[in-house]
C-alpha atoms as a PDB file:
ATOM      1  CA  UNK A   1     -16.746  30.729  32.640  1.00  0.00           C
ATOM      2  CA  UNK A   2     -17.494  31.871  35.930  1.00  0.00           C
ATOM      3  CA  UNK A   3     -19.471  30.002  38.617  1.00  0.00           C
ATOM      4  CA  UNK A   4     -22.210  31.567  40.232  1.00  0.00           C
ATOM      5  CA  UNK A   5     -22.416  31.789  44.010  1.00  0.00           C
ATOM      6  CA  UNK A   6     -25.911  31.250  44.403  1.00  0.00           C
ATOM      7  CA  UNK A   7     -27.657  28.896  41.306  1.00  0.00           C
ATOM      8  CA  UNK A   8     -30.417  27.319  40.591  1.00  0.00           C
ATOM      9  CA  UNK A   9     -29.651  24.774  38.777  1.00  0.00           C
ATOM     10  CA  UNK A  10     -26.388  23.056  40.862  1.00  0.00           C
ATOM     11  CA  UNK A  11     -28.848  20.211  41.850  1.00  0.00           C
ATOM     12  CA  UNK A  12     -29.215  19.425  38.694  1.00  0.00           C
ATOM     13  CA  UNK A  13     -25.702  18.519  37.120  1.00  0.00           C
ATOM     14  CA  UNK A  14     -24.839  14.816  36.824  1.00  0.00           C
ATOM     15  CA  UNK A  15     -22.548  14.231  39.647  1.00  0.00           C
ATOM     16  CA  UNK A  16     -19.620  12.834  37.437  1.00  0.00           C
ATOM     17  CA  UNK A  17     -19.367  16.298  36.296  1.00  0.00           C
ATOM     18  CA  UNK A  18     -19.891  18.305  39.148  1.00  0.00           C
ATOM     19  CA  UNK A  19     -16.089  18.584  40.377  1.00  0.00           C
ATOM     20  CA  UNK A  20     -14.551  19.256  37.255  1.00  0.00           C
ATOM     21  CA  UNK A  21     -16.268  23.070  37.702  1.00  0.00           C
ATOM     22  CA  UNK A  22     -13.137  23.452  40.318  1.00  0.00           C
ATOM     23  CA  UNK A  23     -10.933  23.484  37.747  1.00  0.00           C
ATOM     24  CA  UNK A  24     -12.494  26.556  35.917  1.00  0.00           C
ATOM     25  CA  UNK A  25     -11.482  29.932  38.276  1.00  0.00           C
ATOM     26  CA  UNK A  26     -12.108  32.082  35.489  1.00  0.00           C
ATOM     27  CA  UNK A  27     -14.476  34.647  37.011  1.00  0.00           C
ATOM     28  CA  UNK A  28     -16.139  37.577  35.248  1.00  0.00           C
ATOM     29  CA  UNK A  29     -14.397  37.678  31.959  1.00  0.00           C
ATOM     30  CA  UNK A  30     -13.334  40.814  30.357  1.00  0.00           C
ATOM     31  CA  UNK A  31     -10.843  43.215  28.495  1.00  0.00           C
ATOM     32  CA  UNK A  32      -8.706  43.544  31.377  1.00  0.00           C
ATOM     33  CA  UNK A  33      -8.686  39.638  32.557  1.00  0.00           C
ATOM     34  CA  UNK A  34      -8.853  38.535  28.874  1.00  0.00           C
ATOM     35  CA  UNK A  35      -4.956  37.644  28.449  1.00  0.00           C
ATOM     36  CA  UNK A  36      -4.805  35.862  31.839  1.00  0.00           C
ATOM     37  CA  UNK A  37      -8.030  33.867  30.893  1.00  0.00           C
ATOM     38  CA  UNK A  38      -6.313  32.893  27.461  1.00  0.00           C
ATOM     39  CA  UNK A  39      -3.351  31.673  29.570  1.00  0.00           C
ATOM     40  CA  UNK A  40      -5.167  29.407  31.675  1.00  0.00           C
ATOM     41  CA  UNK A  41      -7.891  28.645  29.260  1.00  0.00           C
ATOM     42  CA  UNK A  42      -5.152  27.090  26.838  1.00  0.00           C
ATOM     43  CA  UNK A  43      -3.282  24.960  29.936  1.00  0.00           C
ATOM     44  CA  UNK A  44      -6.787  23.358  31.437  1.00  0.00           C
ATOM     45  CA  UNK A  45      -7.978  22.263  28.044  1.00  0.00           C
ATOM     46  CA  UNK A  46      -4.878  21.229  26.317  1.00  0.00           C
ATOM     47  CA  UNK A  47      -4.758  18.850  29.695  1.00  0.00           C
ATOM     48  CA  UNK A  48      -8.118  18.016  29.512  1.00  0.00           C
ATOM     49  CA  UNK A  49      -7.936  16.630  26.005  1.00  0.00           C
ATOM     50  CA  UNK A  50      -4.305  15.349  26.347  1.00  0.00           C
ATOM     51  CA  UNK A  51      -6.126  13.290  29.130  1.00  0.00           C
ATOM     52  CA  UNK A  52      -8.701  11.949  27.080  1.00  0.00           C
ATOM     53  CA  UNK A  53      -6.313  11.034  24.449  1.00  0.00           C
ATOM     54  CA  UNK A  54      -5.113   7.612  25.143  1.00  0.00           C
ATOM     55  CA  UNK A  55      -6.706   6.243  22.180  1.00  0.00           C
ATOM     56  CA  UNK A  56      -4.749   7.487  19.284  1.00  0.00           C
ATOM     57  CA  UNK A  57      -2.074   6.060  17.208  1.00  0.00           C
ATOM     58  CA  UNK A  58       0.605   9.374  16.412  1.00  0.00           C
ATOM     59  CA  UNK A  59       2.524   6.626  14.563  1.00  0.00           C
ATOM     60  CA  UNK A  60      -0.234   6.242  11.986  1.00  0.00           C
ATOM     61  CA  UNK A  61      -0.644   9.805  11.506  1.00  0.00           C
ATOM     62  CA  UNK A  62       1.634  12.970  10.764  1.00  0.00           C
ATOM     63  CA  UNK A  63       0.802  16.492  11.997  1.00  0.00           C
ATOM     64  CA  UNK A  64       2.077  19.544   9.840  1.00  0.00           C
ATOM     65  CA  UNK A  65       1.687  23.565   9.609  1.00  0.00           C
ATOM     66  CA  UNK A  66       0.780  25.257   6.620  1.00  0.00           C
ATOM     67  CA  UNK A  67       0.489  28.799   6.257  1.00  0.00           C
ATOM     68  CA  UNK A  68      -2.456  29.250   3.670  1.00  0.00           C
ATOM     69  CA  UNK A  69      -1.724  32.563   1.582  1.00  0.00           C
ATOM     70  CA  UNK A  70      -3.974  35.306   2.127  1.00  0.00           C
ATOM     71  CA  UNK A  71      -5.411  37.426  -0.661  1.00  0.00           C
ATOM     72  CA  UNK A  72      -7.237  40.255  -1.766  1.00  0.00           C
ATOM     73  CA  UNK A  73      -5.757  42.104   1.413  1.00  0.00           C
ATOM     74  CA  UNK A  74      -6.499  39.575   3.906  1.00  0.00           C
ATOM     75  CA  UNK A  75      -3.604  37.765   6.033  1.00  0.00           C
ATOM     76  CA  UNK A  76      -2.397  34.521   5.692  1.00  0.00           C
ATOM     77  CA  UNK A  77      -3.939  31.779   7.680  1.00  0.00           C
ATOM     78  CA  UNK A  78      -1.821  29.316   9.907  1.00  0.00           C
ATOM     79  CA  UNK A  79      -3.523  25.612   9.968  1.00  0.00           C
ATOM     80  CA  UNK A  80      -2.523  22.535  11.872  1.00  0.00           C
ATOM     81  CA  UNK A  81      -3.205  19.353   9.488  1.00  0.00           C
ATOM     82  CA  UNK A  82      -3.315  15.468  10.653  1.00  0.00           C
ATOM     83  CA  UNK A  83      -3.644  13.191   8.303  1.00  0.00           C
ATOM     84  CA  UNK A  84      -3.126   9.141   7.935  1.00  0.00           C
ATOM     85  CA  UNK A  85       0.075   7.712   6.569  1.00  0.00           C
ATOM     86  CA  UNK A  86      -0.620   5.942   3.803  1.00  0.00           C
ATOM     87  CA  UNK A  87      -1.758   6.667   0.100  1.00  0.00           C
ATOM     88  CA  UNK A  88      -5.940   5.960   0.409  1.00  0.00           C
ATOM     89  CA  UNK A  89      -7.980   9.158  -0.219  1.00  0.00           C
ATOM     90  CA  UNK A  90      -9.140  10.161   3.092  1.00  0.00           C
ATOM     91  CA  UNK A  91     -12.826  12.231   3.783  1.00  0.00           C
ATOM     92  CA  UNK A  92     -11.889  15.506   5.204  1.00  0.00           C
ATOM     93  CA  UNK A  93     -13.179  17.367   8.449  1.00  0.00           C
ATOM     94  CA  UNK A  94     -12.527  21.383   9.000  1.00  0.00           C
ATOM     95  CA  UNK A  95     -12.458  21.519  12.406  1.00  0.00           C
ATOM     96  CA  UNK A  96     -12.685  25.276  14.270  1.00  0.00           C
ATOM     97  CA  UNK A  97     -11.344  25.749  17.923  1.00  0.00           C
ATOM     98  CA  UNK A  98     -13.635  27.137  20.010  1.00  0.00           C
ATOM     99  CA  UNK A  99     -12.822  30.148  22.905  1.00  0.00           C
ATOM    100  CA  UNK A 100     -15.873  32.231  22.707  1.00  0.00           C
ATOM    101  CA  UNK A 101     -14.522  34.489  19.613  1.00  0.00           C
ATOM    102  CA  UNK A 102     -11.896  35.528  22.116  1.00  0.00           C
ATOM    103  CA  UNK A 103      -9.449  33.042  23.162  1.00  0.00           C
ATOM    104  CA  UNK A 104      -8.117  29.930  21.929  1.00  0.00           C
ATOM    105  CA  UNK A 105      -6.049  27.937  18.926  1.00  0.00           C
ATOM    106  CA  UNK A 106      -5.870  24.569  16.737  1.00  0.00           C
ATOM    107  CA  UNK A 107      -3.477  23.269  19.325  1.00  0.00           C
ATOM    108  CA  UNK A 108      -6.561  23.584  21.593  1.00  0.00           C
ATOM    109  CA  UNK A 109      -8.038  20.291  20.183  1.00  0.00           C
ATOM    110  CA  UNK A 110      -4.798  18.467  18.858  1.00  0.00           C
ATOM    111  CA  UNK A 111      -5.599  15.400  20.656  1.00  0.00           C
ATOM    112  CA  UNK A 112      -9.692  15.520  19.587  1.00  0.00           C
ATOM    113  CA  UNK A 113      -8.177  15.674  15.668  1.00  0.00           C
ATOM    114  CA  UNK A 114      -5.484  12.801  16.415  1.00  0.00           C
ATOM    115  CA  UNK A 115      -8.903  10.786  17.532  1.00  0.00           C
ATOM    116  CA  UNK A 116     -11.235  11.927  14.375  1.00  0.00           C
ATOM    117  CA  UNK A 117      -7.869  10.234  12.455  1.00  0.00           C
ATOM    118  CA  UNK A 118      -7.624   7.342  14.449  1.00  0.00           C
ATOM    119  CA  UNK A 119     -11.676   6.158  14.236  1.00  0.00           C
ATOM    120  CA  UNK A 120     -12.819   7.622  11.229  1.00  0.00           C
ATOM    121  CA  UNK A 121      -9.136   8.147   8.554  1.00  0.00           C
ATOM    122  CA  UNK A 122     -10.142  11.637   8.213  1.00  0.00           C
ATOM    123  CA  UNK A 123      -7.773  14.429   7.274  1.00  0.00           C
ATOM    124  CA  UNK A 124      -8.425  17.056   9.780  1.00  0.00           C
ATOM    125  CA  UNK A 125      -7.274  20.486   9.469  1.00  0.00           C
ATOM    126  CA  UNK A 126      -7.973  23.406  12.259  1.00  0.00           C
ATOM    127  CA  UNK A 127      -7.378  27.216  11.272  1.00  0.00           C
ATOM    128  CA  UNK A 128      -5.822  29.719  13.514  1.00  0.00           C
ATOM    129  CA  UNK A 129      -8.430  32.071  12.540  1.00  0.00           C
ATOM    130  CA  UNK A 130      -7.964  35.744  14.379  1.00  0.00           C
ATOM    131  CA  UNK A 131      -9.240  36.533  17.431  1.00  0.00           C
ATOM    132  CA  UNK A 132     -11.959  39.232  18.839  1.00  0.00           C
ATOM    133  CA  UNK A 133     -11.544  42.117  20.036  1.00  0.00           C
ATOM    134  CA  UNK A 134      -8.197  42.554  18.447  1.00  0.00           C
ATOM    135  CA  UNK A 135     -10.093  41.602  15.134  1.00  0.00           C
ATOM    136  CA  UNK A 136     -13.733  42.103  14.360  1.00  0.00           C
ATOM    137  CA  UNK A 137     -16.201  40.594  12.138  1.00  0.00           C
ATOM    138  CA  UNK A 138     -16.085  39.365   9.576  1.00  0.00           C
ATOM    139  CA  UNK A 139     -12.160  38.759  10.372  1.00  0.00           C
ATOM    140  CA  UNK A 140     -12.551  35.097  11.662  1.00  0.00           C
ATOM    141  CA  UNK A 141     -15.327  33.654   9.210  1.00  0.00           C
ATOM    142  CA  UNK A 142     -12.829  35.083   6.576  1.00  0.00           C
ATOM    143  CA  UNK A 143      -9.926  33.453   7.772  1.00  0.00           C
ATOM    144  CA  UNK A 144     -12.051  29.859   7.803  1.00  0.00           C
ATOM    145  CA  UNK A 145     -13.242  30.858   4.320  1.00  0.00           C
ATOM    146  CA  UNK A 146      -9.774  31.141   2.726  1.00  0.00           C
ATOM    147  CA  UNK A 147      -8.446  28.125   5.078  1.00  0.00           C
ATOM    148  CA  UNK A 148     -11.735  26.139   3.914  1.00  0.00           C
ATOM    149  CA  UNK A 149     -11.170  26.755   0.122  1.00  0.00           C
ATOM    150  CA  UNK A 150      -7.685  26.331   0.453  1.00  0.00           C
ATOM    151  CA  UNK A 151      -8.497  22.876   1.808  1.00  0.00           C
ATOM    152  CA  UNK A 152     -10.759  21.974  -0.812  1.00  0.00           C
ATOM    153  CA  UNK A 153      -8.828  23.103  -3.866  1.00  0.00           C
ATOM    154  CA  UNK A 154      -5.558  20.971  -2.621  1.00  0.00           C
ATOM    155  CA  UNK A 155      -7.812  18.319  -1.422  1.00  0.00           C
ATOM    156  CA  UNK A 156      -6.536  15.569  -4.085  1.00  0.00           C
ATOM    157  CA  UNK A 157      -2.741  16.627  -3.406  1.00  0.00           C
ATOM    158  CA  UNK A 158      -3.885  16.203   0.733  1.00  0.00           C
ATOM    159  CA  UNK A 159      -5.012  12.822  -0.106  1.00  0.00           C
ATOM    160  CA  UNK A 160      -8.858  14.136   0.227  1.00  0.00           C
ATOM    161  CA  UNK A 161     -12.470  13.482  -1.049  1.00  0.00           C
ATOM    162  CA  UNK A 162     -13.238  17.294  -1.887  1.00  0.00           C
ATOM    163  CA  UNK A 163     -16.768  16.212  -2.345  1.00  0.00           C
ATOM    164  CA  UNK A 164     -16.538  14.808   1.185  1.00  0.00           C
ATOM    165  CA  UNK A 165     -15.462  17.082   3.112  1.00  0.00           C
ATOM    166  CA  UNK A 166     -17.401  17.964   6.503  1.00  0.00           C
ATOM    167  CA  UNK A 167     -16.984  21.292   9.227  1.00  0.00           C
ATOM    168  CA  UNK A 168     -17.611  21.348  12.367  1.00  0.00           C
ATOM    169  CA  UNK A 169     -16.018  22.532  15.847  1.00  0.00           C
ATOM    170  CA  UNK A 170     -17.538  23.150  19.983  1.00  0.00           C
ATOM    171  CA  UNK A 171     -18.910  26.262  21.275  1.00  0.00           C
ATOM    172  CA  UNK A 172     -17.571  29.232  19.391  1.00  0.00           C
ATOM    173  CA  UNK A 173     -15.593  27.214  17.063  1.00  0.00           C
ATOM    174  CA  UNK A 174     -18.850  25.618  16.378  1.00  0.00           C
ATOM    175  CA  UNK A 175     -20.615  28.472  15.813  1.00  0.00           C
ATOM    176  CA  UNK A 176     -17.863  29.931  13.503  1.00  0.00           C
ATOM    177  CA  UNK A 177     -18.625  26.894  11.426  1.00  0.00           C
ATOM    178  CA  UNK A 178     -22.104  27.419  10.918  1.00  0.00           C
ATOM    179  CA  UNK A 179     -21.955  30.929   9.593  1.00  0.00           C
ATOM    180  CA  UNK A 180     -18.822  30.055   7.747  1.00  0.00           C
ATOM    181  CA  UNK A 181     -21.207  27.119   6.301  1.00  0.00           C
ATOM    182  CA  UNK A 182     -23.641  29.841   5.465  1.00  0.00           C
ATOM    183  CA  UNK A 183     -21.400  31.879   3.915  1.00  0.00           C
ATOM    184  CA  UNK A 184     -20.285  28.669   1.726  1.00  0.00           C
ATOM    185  CA  UNK A 185     -23.441  28.386   0.843  1.00  0.00           C
ATOM    186  CA  UNK A 186     -24.289  31.705  -0.404  1.00  0.00           C
ATOM    187  CA  UNK A 187     -21.243  32.332  -2.209  1.00  0.00           C
ATOM    188  CA  UNK A 188     -21.615  28.633  -4.164  1.00  0.00           C
ATOM    189  CA  UNK A 189     -17.784  27.895  -4.451  1.00  0.00           C
ATOM    190  CA  UNK A 190     -17.157  25.233  -1.888  1.00  0.00           C
ATOM    191  CA  UNK A 191     -19.261  22.139  -1.297  1.00  0.00           C
ATOM    192  CA  UNK A 192     -19.778  20.794   2.014  1.00  0.00           C
ATOM    193  CA  UNK A 193     -21.195  17.154   3.096  1.00  0.00           C
ATOM    194  CA  UNK A 194     -22.354  18.195   6.371  1.00  0.00           C
ATOM    195  CA  UNK A 195     -21.384  19.754  10.077  1.00  0.00           C
ATOM    196  CA  UNK A 196     -21.126  18.545  13.429  1.00  0.00           C
ATOM    197  CA  UNK A 197     -21.085  20.991  16.189  1.00  0.00           C
ATOM    198  CA  UNK A 198     -21.366  20.448  19.645  1.00  0.00           C
ATOM    199  CA  UNK A 199     -22.975  23.164  21.944  1.00  0.00           C
ATOM    200  CA  UNK A 200     -22.237  25.981  19.108  1.00  0.00           C
ATOM    201  CA  UNK A 201     -22.342  30.072  19.828  1.00  0.00           C
ATOM    202  CA  UNK A 202     -25.293  30.430  17.726  1.00  0.00           C
ATOM    203  CA  UNK A 203     -26.901  33.716  18.584  1.00  0.00           C
ATOM    204  CA  UNK A 204     -25.770  37.189  19.457  1.00  0.00           C
ATOM    205  CA  UNK A 205     -29.084  37.748  20.834  1.00  0.00           C
ATOM    206  CA  UNK A 206     -29.267  34.822  24.215  1.00  0.00           C
ATOM    207  CA  UNK A 207     -28.130  37.076  27.195  1.00  0.00           C
ATOM    208  CA  UNK A 208     -28.514  40.039  25.677  1.00  0.00           C
ATOM    209  CA  UNK A 209     -31.924  40.974  24.063  1.00  0.00           C
ATOM    210  CA  UNK A 210     -33.397  37.248  24.674  1.00  0.00           C
ATOM    211  CA  UNK A 211     -33.159  36.006  27.769  1.00  0.00           C
ATOM    212  CA  UNK A 212     -32.394  32.116  28.839  1.00  0.00           C
ATOM    213  CA  UNK A 213     -34.172  30.043  30.742  1.00  0.00           C
ATOM    214  CA  UNK A 214     -34.293  29.914  34.374  1.00  0.00           C
ATOM    215  CA  UNK A 215     -31.814  26.630  34.427  1.00  0.00           C
ATOM    216  CA  UNK A 216     -29.700  27.776  31.737  1.00  0.00           C
ATOM    217  CA  UNK A 217     -25.890  29.077  31.881  1.00  0.00           C
ATOM    218  CA  UNK A 218     -24.984  29.070  34.992  1.00  0.00           C
ATOM    219  CA  UNK A 219     -21.647  27.128  34.398  1.00  0.00           C
ATOM    220  CA  UNK A 220     -18.235  27.532  32.647  1.00  0.00           C
ATOM    221  CA  UNK A 221     -20.112  30.275  30.247  1.00  0.00           C
ATOM    222  CA  UNK A 222     -22.828  32.258  31.307  1.00  0.00           C
ATOM    223  CA  UNK A 223     -25.052  35.209  29.774  1.00  0.00           C
ATOM    224  CA  UNK A 224     -22.754  37.834  31.104  1.00  0.00           C
ATOM    225  CA  UNK A 225     -19.513  36.002  29.223  1.00  0.00           C
ATOM    226  CA  UNK A 226     -21.494  35.543  26.157  1.00  0.00           C
ATOM    227  CA  UNK A 227     -22.455  39.361  25.914  1.00  0.00           C
ATOM    228  CA  UNK A 228     -18.403  39.735  26.080  1.00  0.00           C
ATOM    229  CA  UNK A 229     -17.802  37.648  23.690  1.00  0.00           C
ATOM    230  CA  UNK A 230     -20.059  38.551  21.121  1.00  0.00           C
ATOM    231  CA  UNK A 231     -19.734  42.557  21.720  1.00  0.00           C
ATOM    232  CA  UNK A 232     -16.125  41.409  21.211  1.00  0.00           C
ATOM    233  CA  UNK A 233     -16.748  40.376  17.676  1.00  0.00           C
ATOM    234  CA  UNK A 234     -19.163  42.446  16.834  1.00  0.00           C
ATOM    235  CA  UNK A 235     -18.864  45.891  15.181  1.00  0.00           C
ATOM    236  CA  UNK A 236     -22.375  46.481  16.931  1.00  0.00           C
ATOM    237  CA  UNK A 237     -23.985  45.903  20.094  1.00  0.00           C
ATOM    238  CA  UNK A 238     -25.264  42.556  20.741  1.00  0.00           C
ATOM    239  CA  UNK A 239     -29.202  41.839  19.959  1.00  0.00           C
ATOM    240  CA  UNK A 240     -28.991  44.778  17.284  1.00  0.00           C
ATOM    241  CA  UNK A 241     -31.259  44.526  14.440  1.00  0.00           C
ATOM    242  CA  UNK A 242     -27.988  44.504  11.839  1.00  0.00           C
ATOM    243  CA  UNK A 243     -26.114  41.453  12.916  1.00  0.00           C
ATOM    244  CA  UNK A 244     -24.903  39.267   9.908  1.00  0.00           C
ATOM    245  CA  UNK A 245     -25.644  35.467   9.905  1.00  0.00           C
ATOM    246  CA  UNK A 246     -22.039  35.100   8.581  1.00  0.00           C
ATOM    247  CA  UNK A 247     -21.232  36.328  12.302  1.00  0.00           C
ATOM    248  CA  UNK A 248     -24.632  34.848  14.039  1.00  0.00           C
ATOM    249  CA  UNK A 249     -25.843  31.790  12.154  1.00  0.00           C
ATOM    250  CA  UNK A 250     -29.066  31.896  14.139  1.00  0.00           C
ATOM    251  CA  UNK A 251     -29.781  34.863  12.542  1.00  0.00           C
ATOM    252  CA  UNK A 252     -30.250  32.865   9.044  1.00  0.00           C
ATOM    253  CA  UNK A 253     -33.724  33.440   7.913  1.00  0.00           C
ATOM    254  CA  UNK A 254     -33.569  30.851   4.969  1.00  0.00           C
ATOM    255  CA  UNK A 255     -31.987  27.324   5.775  1.00  0.00           C
ATOM    256  CA  UNK A 256     -32.501  25.615   2.711  1.00  0.00           C
ATOM    257  CA  UNK A 257     -30.076  24.382   1.338  1.00  0.00           C
ATOM    258  CA  UNK A 258     -27.532  23.935   3.911  1.00  0.00           C
ATOM    259  CA  UNK A 259     -25.954  20.459   4.207  1.00  0.00           C
ATOM    260  CA  UNK A 260     -26.674  17.920   6.990  1.00  0.00           C
ATOM    261  CA  UNK A 261     -26.433  18.671  10.650  1.00  0.00           C
ATOM    262  CA  UNK A 262     -25.915  17.456  14.381  1.00  0.00           C
ATOM    263  CA  UNK A 263     -25.887  19.237  17.537  1.00  0.00           C
ATOM    264  CA  UNK A 264     -24.491  17.423  20.772  1.00  0.00           C
ATOM    265  CA  UNK A 265     -25.513  20.323  23.496  1.00  0.00           C
ATOM    266  CA  UNK A 266     -26.236  19.776  27.276  1.00  0.00           C
ATOM    267  CA  UNK A 267     -29.727  20.769  29.334  1.00  0.00           C
ATOM    268  CA  UNK A 268     -27.944  22.853  31.461  1.00  0.00           C
ATOM    269  CA  UNK A 269     -26.130  24.523  28.245  1.00  0.00           C
ATOM    270  CA  UNK A 270     -26.637  28.607  28.107  1.00  0.00           C
ATOM    271  CA  UNK A 271     -26.982  27.763  24.229  1.00  0.00           C
ATOM    272  CA  UNK A 272     -29.862  24.769  24.793  1.00  0.00           C
ATOM    273  CA  UNK A 273     -32.417  26.635  23.414  1.00  0.00           C
ATOM    274  CA  UNK A 274     -30.747  28.741  20.232  1.00  0.00           C
ATOM    275  CA  UNK A 275     -29.207  24.857  19.306  1.00  0.00           C
ATOM    276  CA  UNK A 276     -33.099  23.355  19.554  1.00  0.00           C
ATOM    277  CA  UNK A 277     -34.602  26.030  17.504  1.00  0.00           C
ATOM    278  CA  UNK A 278     -31.608  25.940  14.575  1.00  0.00           C
ATOM    279  CA  UNK A 279     -32.147  22.464  14.399  1.00  0.00           C
ATOM    280  CA  UNK A 280     -35.640  23.002  14.163  1.00  0.00           C
ATOM    281  CA  UNK A 281     -35.501  25.406  11.663  1.00  0.00           C
ATOM    282  CA  UNK A 282     -33.698  23.283   9.431  1.00  0.00           C
ATOM    283  CA  UNK A 283     -35.783  20.051   9.719  1.00  0.00           C
ATOM    284  CA  UNK A 284     -38.690  22.663   9.060  1.00  0.00           C
ATOM    285  CA  UNK A 285     -36.569  23.999   5.811  1.00  0.00           C
ATOM    286  CA  UNK A 286     -36.198  19.929   4.802  1.00  0.00           C
ATOM    287  CA  UNK A 287     -32.246  19.774   6.126  1.00  0.00           C
ATOM    288  CA  UNK A 288     -31.433  16.655   7.320  1.00  0.00           C
ATOM    289  CA  UNK A 289     -30.711  17.583  10.795  1.00  0.00           C
ATOM    290  CA  UNK A 290     -30.517  15.954  14.463  1.00  0.00           C
ATOM    291  CA  UNK A 291     -29.307  16.876  17.955  1.00  0.00           C
ATOM    292  CA  UNK A 292     -28.593  15.159  21.066  1.00  0.00           C
ATOM    293  CA  UNK A 293     -29.442  17.026  24.899  1.00  0.00           C
ATOM    294  CA  UNK A 294     -27.677  15.273  27.188  1.00  0.00           C
ATOM    295  CA  UNK A 295     -29.401  15.760  31.273  1.00  0.00           C
ATOM    296  CA  UNK A 296     -27.406  17.277  33.563  1.00  0.00           C
ATOM    297  CA  UNK A 297     -24.458  18.570  31.812  1.00  0.00           C
ATOM    298  CA  UNK A 298     -23.483  21.956  31.059  1.00  0.00           C
ATOM    299  CA  UNK A 299     -21.617  23.762  28.972  1.00  0.00           C
ATOM    300  CA  UNK A 300     -18.085  21.765  27.370  1.00  0.00           C
ATOM    301  CA  UNK A 301     -19.024  19.110  30.364  1.00  0.00           C
ATOM    302  CA  UNK A 302     -17.156  16.787  27.575  1.00  0.00           C
ATOM    303  CA  UNK A 303     -14.259  17.979  28.642  1.00  0.00           C
ATOM    304  CA  UNK A 304     -14.826  16.223  32.170  1.00  0.00           C
ATOM    305  CA  UNK A 305     -13.042  13.253  31.224  1.00  0.00           C
ATOM    306  CA  UNK A 306     -13.688  10.002  31.920  1.00  0.00           C
ATOM    307  CA  UNK A 307     -17.712  10.106  32.733  1.00  0.00           C
ATOM    308  CA  UNK A 308     -21.113   8.578  31.873  1.00  0.00           C
ATOM    309  CA  UNK A 309     -21.561  11.942  29.960  1.00  0.00           C
ATOM    310  CA  UNK A 310     -18.504  11.967  28.285  1.00  0.00           C
ATOM    311  CA  UNK A 311     -18.579   8.336  26.968  1.00  0.00           C
ATOM    312  CA  UNK A 312     -22.220   8.959  25.687  1.00  0.00           C
ATOM    313  CA  UNK A 313     -20.935  12.188  24.158  1.00  0.00           C
ATOM    314  CA  UNK A 314     -17.945  10.323  22.651  1.00  0.00           C
ATOM    315  CA  UNK A 315     -19.941   7.711  21.001  1.00  0.00           C
ATOM    316  CA  UNK A 316     -22.844  10.066  20.240  1.00  0.00           C
ATOM    317  CA  UNK A 317     -19.963  12.325  18.322  1.00  0.00           C
ATOM    318  CA  UNK A 318     -18.528   9.703  16.692  1.00  0.00           C
ATOM    319  CA  UNK A 319     -22.012   8.033  15.455  1.00  0.00           C
ATOM    320  CA  UNK A 320     -23.018  11.839  14.027  1.00  0.00           C
ATOM    321  CA  UNK A 321     -19.717  11.948  12.177  1.00  0.00           C
ATOM    322  CA  UNK A 322     -20.327   8.261  10.338  1.00  0.00           C
ATOM    323  CA  UNK A 323     -23.837   9.473   9.297  1.00  0.00           C
ATOM    324  CA  UNK A 324     -22.472  12.610   7.974  1.00  0.00           C
ATOM    325  CA  UNK A 325     -19.388  11.046   6.509  1.00  0.00           C
ATOM    326  CA  UNK A 326     -21.747   7.750   4.656  1.00  0.00           C
ATOM    327  CA  UNK A 327     -24.772  10.160   3.554  1.00  0.00           C
ATOM    328  CA  UNK A 328     -24.762   9.788  -0.293  1.00  0.00           C
ATOM    329  CA  UNK A 329     -22.858  13.015  -1.488  1.00  0.00           C
ATOM    330  CA  UNK A 330     -25.846  14.262  -3.999  1.00  0.00           C
ATOM    331  CA  UNK A 331     -27.980  14.697  -0.064  1.00  0.00           C
ATOM    332  CA  UNK A 332     -28.666  18.612   0.610  1.00  0.00           C
END
């Protein structure tokens, strides 16, 4: 999450979001700086989401924590659940937090989860998956699979329609949600109605064996930080030939049978090319899919608050959520 001293893309940044970069003093993410970065990122992200969480009605929802029992040698997984008050059956949203696979917690996005409950009447669950480098692949995706399977199996008890559960997340959370969706398809145990991914971290090759565009990834999440994140997660160097699609969803060769997908990303984001390519391949495989690219937007630009781009992102996020939640359940 560093800002380069000399950049090619600074003049392309939308002026309304330029000042937000000053809030991100984290530079040169590394094993020695990781602990401090985790604490600082938690503080900044929580403050930003809380500042944007005004249009919520907490009295109309509940928040609880559950510990989902592990099995077959897996540890338990803590999860945070937000749901509307009342007896109505709701859609389900399985929300995976971001943080480069090395940072973050479900509390990262409490305010966004509350907003989804308020605006869409969803029951939202967010798992506390194990972070890298303490836990390598497949720990995080297996934690998410365990939590998603529990969510589906207990849907009726939670007041959730088990046939209307979508998955999603931001940055590494979006990448993990996409990898989870590939794993779910291949195991064939859980139906997923769709996935909503914000600037997802999908491809370990970006910044290692595949170089990003000249104007991509100079702010908030750089190629160097991407290499660190993937190197922390993977048991092999980023860009290696044997990386699993259950770790990096862009490694999926067969896109058929994946659920309807929508991605929102920035024109200056390091992940722009991999996000566009992922949607292109889904469309070519016959999967309903769409993409919105925001001009002048760097990684995680929506956290900059009440700006024109932030409002556009929020509106498009809501529209994509509605599109996924209201699609016929038989669609694939």
